[in-house]
Amino acid sequence: MLNVDGAGKLRGEFYLTGNPGATPIVSSQTVTDGKWHHAVLTAAANTQSLYLDGVKVGSLAGASTEQSRDYAYLGAGYGSSGWMGLANGEYRFKGQMDEVAFYDRTLDPATISEHYAARSAIGKMTKVTLPSGRIHATAAYNPVSGRLTEHTDNNGGTWKVSPPAYSTSSSSYAGTIQRSGPTGYWRLGERGGAEATSPLGDDHAGSYLDGVRPGSAGIFADGDDTAAGFTGDGAIEMPAESLGTGTSMSLELWFKTTGPGVLVTHQNTDLGDTPTQWRPMLLIDSDGKLRGRFSGGAAGLHSAGTVTDNKWHHVLLTGNEGIQALFVDGDHQGSTTTGVDTARFSRVFVGGGYSSPCGTARLRATATSPARSTKSPSTTSHW
């Protein structure tokens, strides 16, 4: 419906009834200049129009056909000479997009102009001058954020405003996680004791084994929640049921460390015994890189850089029957088209476990904070 053609011009069309072939509206100017542009394609009963940067580019007469398809993509799709002026094939957008919106109605010219103008900078008050001509006050602003940085009052006093500092509370974070529907979630915020409680209820509680020290400093700057510290001699055991039995699952947690070790695993023996079946789903290798996979037959996914810098990192391993993917600190690290199998073992550990070819690997000088697991018969299962 919207594309940039081989000449760098914007094209747009909702397909017309009667299958007349692609006859897109084409902008007169190019849009491949590295600047932000606003594009709108809108249709009424018997006409459609393309707008670029608030200005109408052109229109097409005729009724639009029903537009629904099995798949809808943003930033990629199949193109042809009729639609794009290029050879038939798949084309992927290179650039940036922002503020994408779909509507089930026609947008009129006034609305389109209003949307385009809404991005324009609004003037700020920088000086107040009295009728006498004397300057009463001045204000200076950060050119990027637009926030006030300095104010001079009518007495000549200068007040400087420091940049704001934000810290999400642990309760807000916990609420965000729980709204996503986890079936296993452990905040690891205990300051003592042997039980890793779960906000989901007593049936989901885990157990701190020897070598795990609750009460370590956590990921929240305001210190309102703690994390679990690992000496390299223990782990936390979690309920195996939290992994589910389906082919869709994910796991996520925060960690920081200076050395290698297993983050999350499941195996068929207790910690310290040699299992005959095991699967370290997340671990840090001897090169300091994070590795992850759910299935033994899948290629191992690993982080692009090292994670043994003693800084907090967020990891997410997610997959279904057709793919597995690894994310670190929100960035995609890699994927494999081998899906998640249904094999599950009876013991689940965080912070230690068996890993070949080196045997048991456990975290040292590491704090881990909140871990979660979710599952559903037809949706993704998260750790």
Protein backbone atom coordinates (compact mmCIF):
# COMPACT_ATOMS: atom_id res chain seq x y z
CA MET A 1 0.00 0.00 0.00
CA LEU A 2 2.86 2.39 0.81
CA ASN A 3 6.39 2.02 -0.51
CA VAL A 4 9.47 3.91 -1.65
CA ASP A 5 10.27 3.04 -5.25
CA GLY A 6 13.57 2.61 -7.04
CA ALA A 7 13.72 6.31 -7.83
CA GLY A 8 13.34 7.22 -4.15
CA LYS A 9 9.75 8.47 -4.51
CA LEU A 10 6.78 7.66 -2.30
CA ARG A 11 4.06 5.47 -3.82
CA GLY A 12 0.67 4.59 -2.38
CA GLU A 13 -2.51 2.80 -3.40
CA PHE A 14 -5.35 0.80 -1.92
CA TYR A 15 -6.07 -1.85 -4.56
CA LEU A 16 -9.11 -0.99 -6.70
CA THR A 17 -12.06 -3.21 -7.55
CA GLY A 18 -12.07 -4.93 -10.91
CA ASN A 19 -8.38 -5.93 -10.67
CA PRO A 20 -7.12 -3.13 -12.98
CA GLY A 21 -3.53 -3.72 -11.90
CA ALA A 22 -1.35 -1.51 -9.74
CA THR A 23 -1.66 2.20 -10.56
CA PRO A 24 -0.16 3.85 -7.47
CA ILE A 25 -0.08 7.55 -6.73
CA VAL A 26 3.56 8.73 -6.95
CA SER A 27 5.12 11.75 -5.26
CA SER A 28 6.92 14.27 -7.41
CA GLN A 29 9.77 14.63 -4.93
CA THR A 30 12.09 12.00 -3.52
CA VAL A 31 11.90 10.97 0.13
CA THR A 32 15.33 9.31 0.40
CA ASP A 33 17.02 12.45 1.73
CA GLY A 34 17.62 11.23 5.28
CA LYS A 35 14.93 13.55 6.67
CA TRP A 36 11.71 12.72 8.49
CA HIS A 37 8.58 12.65 6.29
CA HIS A 38 4.90 12.25 7.12
CA ALA A 39 2.87 10.00 4.80
CA VAL A 40 -0.90 9.45 4.71
CA LEU A 41 -2.89 7.24 2.36
CA THR A 42 -6.63 7.66 2.85
CA ALA A 43 -9.70 6.45 0.95
CA ALA A 44 -13.40 7.31 0.69
CA ALA A 45 -16.17 5.50 -1.18
CA ASN A 46 -14.92 6.13 -4.73
CA THR A 47 -11.62 7.91 -4.36
CA GLN A 48 -8.31 7.75 -2.53
CA SER A 49 -5.52 10.26 -1.95
CA LEU A 50 -1.86 10.28 -0.95
CA TYR A 51 -0.43 13.05 1.23
CA LEU A 52 3.25 13.79 1.85
CA ASP A 53 4.27 16.18 4.63
CA GLY A 54 0.73 17.52 4.90
CA VAL A 55 0.35 18.24 1.18
CA LYS A 56 -1.82 16.26 -1.22
CA VAL A 57 0.28 14.40 -3.80
CA GLY A 58 -2.53 13.05 -5.95
CA SER A 59 -5.71 11.00 -6.09
CA LEU A 60 -7.16 7.90 -7.74
CA ALA A 61 -10.80 7.45 -8.73
CA GLY A 62 -12.61 4.16 -8.18
CA ALA A 63 -13.84 2.01 -5.33
CA SER A 64 -11.27 0.17 -3.22
CA THR A 65 -11.52 -3.59 -2.99
CA GLU A 66 -11.55 -5.43 0.33
CA GLN A 67 -8.00 -5.05 1.69
CA SER A 68 -7.61 -7.86 4.25
CA ARG A 69 -4.95 -10.50 3.73
CA ASP A 70 -3.55 -13.32 5.87
CA TYR A 71 -0.43 -11.31 6.74
CA ALA A 72 0.28 -7.61 7.25
CA TYR A 73 3.81 -6.27 7.53
CA LEU A 74 5.38 -2.95 8.41
CA GLY A 75 8.79 -2.32 6.84
CA ALA A 76 8.84 -5.26 4.42
CA GLY A 77 6.75 -6.95 1.76
CA TYR A 78 6.50 -8.27 -1.77
CA GLY A 79 6.80 -5.70 -4.54
CA SER A 80 6.60 -5.63 -8.34
CA SER A 81 7.20 -3.36 -11.29
CA GLY A 82 3.63 -2.10 -11.07
CA TRP A 83 3.75 -1.31 -7.37
CA MET A 84 7.35 -0.16 -7.01
CA GLY A 85 8.86 0.15 -10.47
CA LEU A 86 11.25 -2.66 -9.52
CA ALA A 87 11.59 -6.35 -10.36
CA ASN A 88 9.22 -8.74 -8.60
CA GLY A 89 10.54 -9.78 -5.19
CA GLU A 90 10.61 -9.10 -1.46
CA TYR A 91 11.81 -5.66 -0.40
CA ARG A 92 12.73 -4.52 3.11
CA PHE A 93 12.78 -0.94 4.33
CA LYS A 94 16.05 0.57 5.56
CA GLY A 95 15.54 3.59 7.77
CA GLN A 96 13.37 4.62 10.72
CA MET A 97 9.62 4.73 11.34
CA ASP A 98 7.63 6.26 14.16
CA GLU A 99 4.03 7.03 15.19
CA VAL A 100 2.29 4.50 12.90
CA ALA A 101 -1.53 4.58 12.95
CA PHE A 102 -4.35 2.76 11.11
CA TYR A 103 -7.92 4.13 10.86
CA ASP A 104 -11.24 2.62 9.85
CA ARG A 105 -12.42 5.93 8.35
CA THR A 106 -11.36 8.60 5.87
CA LEU A 107 -9.01 11.34 7.11
CA ASP A 108 -9.94 14.79 5.80
CA PRO A 109 -7.32 17.35 4.68
CA ALA A 110 -7.72 19.43 7.84
CA THR A 111 -6.99 16.44 10.07
CA ILE A 112 -3.96 15.44 8.00
CA SER A 113 -2.58 18.99 8.17
CA GLU A 114 -3.15 19.04 11.93
CA HIS A 115 -1.28 15.76 12.38
CA TYR A 116 1.66 16.97 10.30
CA ALA A 117 1.83 20.31 12.11
CA ALA A 118 1.67 18.65 15.54
CA ARG A 119 5.35 17.72 15.25
CA SER A 120 6.46 21.32 14.81
CA ALA A 121 8.35 22.87 17.71
CA ILE A 122 6.35 25.13 20.00
CA GLY A 123 7.93 28.42 20.99
CA LYS A 124 9.14 28.78 24.57
CA MET A 125 9.10 31.83 26.77
CA THR A 126 12.71 32.93 27.16
CA LYS A 127 12.32 36.49 28.39
CA VAL A 128 9.74 38.67 30.15
CA THR A 129 10.07 42.41 29.51
CA LEU A 130 8.14 44.98 31.51
CA PRO A 131 6.43 48.01 29.86
CA SER A 132 9.31 50.09 31.16
CA GLY A 133 11.70 48.06 29.05
CA ARG A 134 13.34 46.44 32.04
CA ILE A 135 13.88 42.67 31.79
CA HIS A 136 11.82 41.02 34.50
CA ALA A 137 12.97 37.40 34.03
CA THR A 138 14.75 35.06 31.62
CA ALA A 139 14.65 31.30 31.04
CA ALA A 140 16.98 28.86 29.27
CA TYR A 141 16.07 25.37 28.06
CA ASN A 142 17.80 22.14 27.15
CA PRO A 143 17.81 22.08 23.31
CA VAL A 144 17.19 18.31 23.19
CA SER A 145 14.66 17.61 25.95
CA GLY A 146 13.07 21.08 26.01
CA ARG A 147 13.21 21.17 29.81
CA LEU A 148 13.97 24.33 31.75
CA THR A 149 17.64 24.42 32.80
CA GLU A 150 18.08 27.96 34.17
CA HIS A 151 15.80 30.76 35.41
CA THR A 152 16.81 34.30 36.33
CA ASP A 153 14.23 36.08 38.50
CA ASN A 154 13.32 39.78 38.87
CA ASN A 155 15.92 40.21 41.61
CA GLY A 156 18.74 38.98 39.41
CA GLY A 157 18.95 35.64 41.14
CA THR A 158 19.82 32.71 38.89
CA TRP A 159 18.23 29.32 39.59
CA LYS A 160 19.62 26.25 37.88
CA VAL A 161 17.47 23.14 37.43
CA SER A 162 19.27 19.79 37.43
CA PRO A 163 18.23 17.04 34.98
CA PRO A 164 15.44 14.83 36.35
CA ALA A 165 16.32 11.35 37.59
CA TYR A 166 13.82 8.52 37.28
CA SER A 167 13.70 5.20 39.07
CA THR A 168 10.93 2.70 38.49
CA SER A 169 9.85 1.19 41.78
CA SER A 170 10.03 -2.56 42.18
CA SER A 171 6.27 -2.74 42.75
CA SER A 172 5.65 -1.07 39.38
CA TYR A 173 7.99 -3.53 37.69
CA ALA A 174 6.32 -6.47 39.41
CA GLY A 175 2.92 -5.25 38.26
CA THR A 176 4.15 -5.06 34.67
CA ILE A 177 5.41 -8.64 34.83
CA GLN A 178 2.26 -10.01 36.42
CA ARG A 179 0.03 -8.34 33.84
CA SER A 180 1.83 -10.38 31.16
CA GLY A 181 0.44 -13.56 32.71
CA PRO A 182 3.42 -15.49 34.11
CA THR A 183 2.89 -19.00 35.44
CA GLY A 184 6.10 -18.80 37.42
CA TYR A 185 7.54 -15.58 38.88
CA TRP A 186 10.12 -15.15 41.63
CA ARG A 187 11.21 -11.69 42.72
CA LEU A 188 14.11 -13.07 44.81
CA GLY A 189 13.58 -10.17 47.18
CA GLU A 190 13.78 -12.08 50.48
CA ARG A 191 16.30 -10.83 53.02
CA GLY A 192 16.62 -14.27 54.59
CA GLY A 193 15.05 -17.70 54.89
CA ALA A 194 15.01 -20.75 52.65
CA GLU A 195 11.96 -20.02 50.49
CA ALA A 196 11.93 -18.03 47.24
CA THR A 197 8.36 -16.82 47.41
CA SER A 198 6.23 -16.15 44.36
CA PRO A 199 3.58 -13.43 43.93
CA LEU A 200 1.54 -16.13 42.19
CA GLY A 201 1.02 -18.15 45.37
CA ASP A 202 2.59 -20.71 47.69
CA ASP A 203 2.37 -23.50 45.10
CA HIS A 204 4.87 -21.62 42.94
CA ALA A 205 7.52 -21.03 45.63
CA GLY A 206 11.14 -22.05 45.04
CA SER A 207 13.87 -23.06 47.48
CA TYR A 208 17.20 -21.39 48.23
CA LEU A 209 19.89 -24.07 48.39
CA ASP A 210 23.26 -23.76 50.16
CA GLY A 211 25.52 -21.14 48.61
CA VAL A 212 22.77 -18.61 47.84
CA ARG A 213 22.59 -15.42 49.86
CA PRO A 214 19.26 -13.51 49.85
CA GLY A 215 19.34 -9.81 50.55
CA SER A 216 21.93 -8.62 48.00
CA ALA A 217 21.54 -5.25 46.30
CA GLY A 218 18.98 -5.47 43.50
CA ILE A 219 18.31 -3.78 40.16
CA PHE A 220 16.28 -0.85 41.51
CA ALA A 221 18.19 2.34 42.21
CA ASP A 222 15.99 3.30 45.14
CA GLY A 223 16.86 0.05 46.94
CA ASP A 224 13.26 -0.92 47.66
CA ASP A 225 13.88 -4.56 46.69
CA THR A 226 16.80 -6.97 46.99
CA ALA A 227 18.25 -9.77 44.85
CA ALA A 228 19.83 -13.17 45.41
CA GLY A 229 23.62 -13.44 45.60
CA PHE A 230 25.45 -16.60 44.55
CA THR A 231 28.77 -17.78 46.00
CA GLY A 232 29.34 -20.39 43.28
CA ASP A 233 28.36 -23.30 45.54
CA GLY A 234 24.59 -23.42 45.23
CA ALA A 235 21.46 -22.55 43.27
CA ILE A 236 17.74 -21.92 43.62
CA GLU A 237 15.36 -24.76 42.80
CA MET A 238 12.11 -23.81 41.09
CA PRO A 239 8.95 -25.87 40.44
CA ALA A 240 9.39 -27.91 37.26
CA GLU A 241 5.71 -27.42 36.44
CA SER A 242 6.40 -23.77 35.64
CA LEU A 243 8.11 -24.78 32.40
CA GLY A 244 4.89 -26.22 31.00
CA THR A 245 4.77 -29.04 28.45
CA GLY A 246 4.10 -27.20 25.19
CA THR A 247 6.27 -26.03 22.31
CA SER A 248 5.92 -22.34 23.15
CA MET A 249 7.88 -20.87 26.03
CA SER A 250 10.12 -18.03 27.15
CA LEU A 251 12.30 -17.23 30.12
CA GLU A 252 13.68 -13.95 31.33
CA LEU A 253 15.71 -12.61 34.24
CA TRP A 254 18.19 -9.93 35.31
CA PHE A 255 21.74 -10.88 36.28
CA LYS A 256 25.21 -9.48 36.85
CA THR A 257 28.46 -11.43 37.18
CA THR A 258 32.19 -11.44 36.52
CA GLY A 259 32.54 -15.07 35.46
CA PRO A 260 30.95 -18.05 33.69
CA GLY A 261 28.18 -20.28 35.01
CA VAL A 262 24.70 -21.65 34.43
CA LEU A 263 21.83 -19.20 34.77
CA VAL A 264 18.86 -21.53 34.22
CA THR A 265 18.75 -25.28 33.58
CA HIS A 266 16.54 -28.33 33.96
CA GLN A 267 17.89 -31.84 34.55
CA ASN A 268 16.79 -35.21 35.95
CA THR A 269 18.92 -35.24 39.13
CA ASP A 270 19.54 -33.11 42.16
CA LEU A 271 22.18 -30.38 42.07
CA GLY A 272 25.64 -31.90 42.45
CA ASP A 273 24.69 -35.30 41.01
CA THR A 274 25.55 -36.28 37.45
CA PRO A 275 22.35 -36.36 35.39
CA THR A 276 21.59 -38.58 32.41
CA GLN A 277 19.34 -35.87 30.96
CA TRP A 278 20.00 -32.14 31.19
CA ARG A 279 19.40 -28.91 29.31
CA PRO A 280 21.14 -25.67 30.38
CA MET A 281 18.80 -23.15 28.76
CA LEU A 282 20.84 -20.07 29.67
CA LEU A 283 24.51 -20.00 30.61
CA ILE A 284 27.60 -17.80 30.44
CA ASP A 285 30.51 -19.49 28.67
CA SER A 286 34.25 -19.31 29.32
CA ASP A 287 34.54 -16.36 26.90
CA GLY A 288 32.09 -14.36 29.01
CA LYS A 289 29.29 -14.54 26.44
CA LEU A 290 25.70 -15.46 27.13
CA ARG A 291 24.40 -18.62 25.43
CA GLY A 292 20.85 -19.89 25.17
CA ARG A 293 18.65 -22.57 23.62
CA PHE A 294 15.62 -24.60 24.66
CA SER A 295 16.15 -27.68 22.49
CA GLY A 296 19.16 -29.96 22.35
CA GLY A 297 18.96 -30.18 18.56
CA ALA A 298 18.95 -26.42 18.09
CA ALA A 299 22.02 -24.35 17.29
CA GLY A 300 23.22 -22.45 20.34
CA LEU A 301 22.41 -18.73 20.35
CA HIS A 302 25.00 -16.42 21.90
CA SER A 303 25.40 -12.75 22.70
CA ALA A 304 27.46 -10.51 20.45
CA GLY A 305 29.47 -9.19 23.38
CA THR A 306 30.55 -10.31 26.82
CA VAL A 307 28.27 -9.98 29.84
CA THR A 308 30.84 -10.55 32.61
CA ASP A 309 31.33 -6.83 33.30
CA ASN A 310 29.66 -6.88 36.74
CA LYS A 311 26.78 -4.78 35.39
CA TRP A 312 23.10 -5.64 35.37
CA HIS A 313 21.87 -7.28 32.16
CA HIS A 314 18.40 -8.39 31.11
CA VAL A 315 18.08 -11.63 29.13
CA LEU A 316 15.07 -13.07 27.31
CA LEU A 317 15.03 -16.45 25.56
CA THR A 318 11.80 -17.07 23.66
CA GLY A 319 10.54 -19.65 21.19
CA ASN A 320 7.74 -21.72 19.73
CA GLU A 321 7.41 -24.70 17.41
CA GLY A 322 9.23 -22.90 14.58
CA ILE A 323 11.80 -20.53 16.08
CA GLN A 324 13.98 -19.64 19.07
CA ALA A 325 15.42 -16.18 19.69
CA LEU A 326 17.78 -14.60 22.23
CA PHE A 327 17.64 -10.97 23.43
CA VAL A 328 20.09 -9.19 25.74
CA ASP A 329 19.24 -5.77 27.17
CA GLY A 330 16.40 -5.51 24.67
CA ASP A 331 18.58 -6.17 21.60
CA HIS A 332 18.12 -9.20 19.36
CA GLN A 333 21.24 -11.41 19.43
CA GLY A 334 20.21 -14.22 17.10
CA SER A 335 17.56 -16.74 16.09
CA THR A 336 17.31 -20.34 14.99
CA THR A 337 14.53 -21.98 13.00
CA THR A 338 14.66 -25.08 15.19
CA GLY A 339 11.59 -24.96 17.38
CA VAL A 340 11.07 -25.78 21.06
CA ASP A 341 10.58 -29.46 21.86
CA THR A 342 8.34 -30.81 24.61
CA ALA A 343 11.04 -32.56 26.65
CA ARG A 344 11.08 -31.41 30.30
CA PHE A 345 13.15 -32.77 33.16
CA SER A 346 12.16 -33.07 36.80
CA ARG A 347 14.48 -30.50 38.43
CA VAL A 348 14.77 -26.81 37.53
CA PHE A 349 17.63 -24.68 38.89
CA VAL A 350 18.55 -21.01 38.70
CA GLY A 351 22.21 -20.15 39.28
CA GLY A 352 23.75 -23.62 38.87
CA GLY A 353 23.45 -26.95 37.15
CA TYR A 354 25.09 -29.56 34.95
CA SER A 355 26.57 -28.44 31.64
CA SER A 356 28.76 -30.43 29.26
CA PRO A 357 31.62 -30.76 28.58
CA CYS A 358 32.74 -29.14 31.84
CA GLY A 359 30.24 -30.77 34.22
CA THR A 360 28.55 -28.74 36.93
CA ALA A 361 28.81 -24.98 36.42
CA ARG A 362 27.62 -22.50 39.02
CA LEU A 363 27.58 -18.74 39.22
CA ARG A 364 30.07 -16.92 41.39
CA ALA A 365 29.85 -13.38 42.78
CA THR A 366 26.58 -12.97 40.92
CA ALA A 367 23.25 -11.43 41.83
CA THR A 368 20.09 -12.46 40.04
CA SER A 369 16.80 -10.57 40.25
CA PRO A 370 13.44 -11.18 39.31
CA ALA A 371 12.96 -14.36 37.28
CA ARG A 372 9.66 -15.32 35.73
CA SER A 373 8.03 -18.19 33.91
CA THR A 374 4.73 -18.26 32.08
CA LYS A 375 2.90 -20.76 29.95
CA SER A 376 -0.40 -21.27 28.19
CA PRO A 377 -1.68 -24.08 25.97
CA SER A 378 -1.58 -21.87 22.89
CA THR A 379 0.69 -18.94 23.68
CA THR A 380 4.31 -18.28 24.63
CA SER A 381 5.73 -19.53 27.92
CA HIS A 382 8.15 -17.11 29.62
CA TRP A 383 10.97 -17.52 32.10
